[in-house]
Protein backbone atom coordinates (compact mmCIF):
# COMPACT_ATOMS: atom_id res chain seq x y z
CA UNK A 1 11.01 -14.33 19.19
CA UNK A 2 9.95 -12.96 15.81
CA UNK A 3 12.11 -10.96 13.42
CA UNK A 4 10.68 -8.68 10.75
CA UNK A 5 12.91 -7.51 7.91
CA UNK A 6 11.68 -4.81 5.54
CA UNK A 7 13.06 -4.14 2.09
CA UNK A 8 12.19 -2.19 -1.02
CA UNK A 9 12.48 1.38 0.16
CA UNK A 10 14.38 4.02 -1.75
CA UNK A 11 14.25 7.29 -3.64
CA UNK A 12 11.61 7.79 -6.31
CA UNK A 13 10.16 10.73 -8.20
CA UNK A 14 6.63 11.88 -7.60
CA UNK A 15 4.20 9.73 -9.55
CA UNK A 16 6.46 6.71 -9.34
CA UNK A 17 6.01 3.37 -7.62
CA UNK A 18 7.73 1.26 -5.00
CA UNK A 19 6.98 -2.14 -3.54
CA UNK A 20 7.87 -2.81 0.06
CA UNK A 21 8.31 -6.30 1.45
CA UNK A 22 8.42 -7.52 5.02
CA UNK A 23 9.57 -11.04 5.76
CA UNK A 24 8.81 -12.53 9.15
CA UNK A 25 10.85 -15.30 10.70
CA UNK A 26 11.16 -17.03 14.04
CA UNK A 27 8.41 -18.24 16.34
CA UNK A 28 5.45 -16.95 14.35
CA UNK A 29 2.04 -17.72 15.72
CA UNK A 30 -0.21 -18.91 12.92
CA UNK A 31 -2.99 -16.41 13.65
CA UNK A 32 -1.70 -12.89 13.10
CA UNK A 33 -2.51 -9.56 11.54
CA UNK A 34 0.06 -7.46 9.74
CA UNK A 35 0.35 -3.82 8.91
CA UNK A 36 2.48 -1.04 7.51
CA UNK A 37 3.02 2.16 9.45
CA UNK A 38 5.05 5.23 8.61
CA UNK A 39 6.68 8.05 10.47
CA UNK A 40 7.76 11.29 8.88
CA UNK A 41 10.23 13.65 10.60
CA UNK A 42 8.55 15.51 13.42
CA UNK A 43 5.34 13.53 13.14
CA UNK A 44 3.79 10.63 14.96
CA UNK A 45 3.83 7.12 13.56
CA UNK A 46 0.64 6.46 11.65
CA UNK A 47 -1.09 3.40 10.25
CA UNK A 48 -0.87 3.19 6.47
CA UNK A 49 -2.43 -0.18 5.69
CA UNK A 50 -3.56 -3.26 7.58
CA UNK A 51 -4.36 -6.82 6.61
CA UNK A 52 -5.99 -9.33 8.88
CA UNK A 53 -5.24 -12.99 9.21
CA UNK A 54 -8.18 -13.65 6.92
CA UNK A 55 -7.07 -11.16 4.30
CA UNK A 56 -9.36 -8.22 5.04
CA UNK A 57 -7.66 -4.93 4.32
CA UNK A 58 -7.99 -1.33 5.46
CA UNK A 59 -6.14 1.84 4.50
CA UNK A 60 -5.48 5.35 5.69
CA UNK A 61 -7.59 7.83 3.74
CA UNK A 62 -4.43 9.48 2.41
CA UNK A 63 -3.34 6.32 0.56
CA UNK A 64 -6.64 4.80 -0.53
CA UNK A 65 -6.64 4.02 -4.23
CA UNK A 66 -2.85 4.34 -4.45
CA UNK A 67 -1.46 1.70 -2.06
CA UNK A 68 -2.26 -2.00 -1.89
CA UNK A 69 -1.36 -4.33 0.96
CA UNK A 70 -1.15 -8.08 0.44
CA UNK A 71 0.29 -11.09 2.19
CA UNK A 72 1.73 -14.48 1.33
CA UNK A 73 1.14 -16.69 4.34
CA UNK A 74 3.28 -19.49 2.94
CA UNK A 75 6.24 -17.11 2.89
CA UNK A 76 5.28 -15.21 6.06
CA UNK A 77 5.62 -12.05 4.01
CA UNK A 78 3.53 -8.91 3.69
CA UNK A 79 3.82 -6.46 0.81
CA UNK A 80 2.90 -2.85 0.22
CA UNK A 81 2.55 -1.78 -3.39
CA UNK A 82 2.76 2.00 -3.54
CA UNK A 83 1.70 3.76 -6.73
CA UNK A 84 1.30 7.43 -7.66
CA UNK A 85 3.67 8.38 -4.88
CA UNK A 86 3.63 11.93 -3.56
CA UNK A 87 6.29 13.92 -1.69
CA UNK A 88 4.08 13.72 1.41
CA UNK A 89 4.51 9.93 1.37
CA UNK A 90 8.15 10.45 2.37
CA UNK A 91 8.73 8.66 5.67
CA UNK A 92 10.29 5.66 7.33
CA UNK A 93 7.95 2.74 6.76
CA UNK A 94 7.65 0.09 9.46
CA UNK A 95 6.19 -3.39 9.29
CA UNK A 96 4.13 -4.67 12.21
CA UNK A 97 3.00 -8.15 13.16
CA UNK A 98 0.30 -8.55 15.77
CA UNK A 99 -0.64 -11.90 17.29
CA UNK A 100 -3.60 -10.98 19.52
CA UNK A 101 -4.29 -14.51 20.74
CA UNK A 102 -0.88 -14.70 22.42
CA UNK A 103 -0.51 -11.00 23.17
CA UNK A 104 2.56 -10.46 20.99
CA UNK A 105 3.40 -7.48 18.82
CA UNK A 106 6.54 -6.97 16.78
CA UNK A 107 8.10 -4.20 14.68
CA UNK A 108 10.61 -4.19 11.88
CA UNK A 109 13.58 -1.85 11.78
CA UNK A 110 12.02 0.40 9.13
CA UNK A 111 12.85 1.28 5.56
CA UNK A 112 13.20 4.81 4.21
CA UNK A 113 10.95 5.96 1.39
CA UNK A 114 11.77 9.32 -0.15
CA UNK A 115 9.61 10.87 -2.87
CA UNK A 116 11.11 13.83 -4.69
CA UNK A 117 8.97 16.51 -6.32
């Protein structure tokens, strides 16, 4: 079993920055992709940023140029640096770990990000 623990959420004013972290522990398969998703009230969960096992990244159009995803494989940790935050970025942010070779997929418990105008 794999546990994902997110941290770094909070309340910030528009234009501010936050850095989210997600630490994975447990039986982690060495080949995995990781991502950050978010879900705002009344909306579906959406992909924010994704990083492959090899370090390739992709982003939702709404966060391109403002958010940066990175990972530290030695620490089994993925980060999301969020700059120039907007009120529409307000959501619960979830970390995801996907190990396609063994068919496993895990979610963190989520961390609240609130951006005030």
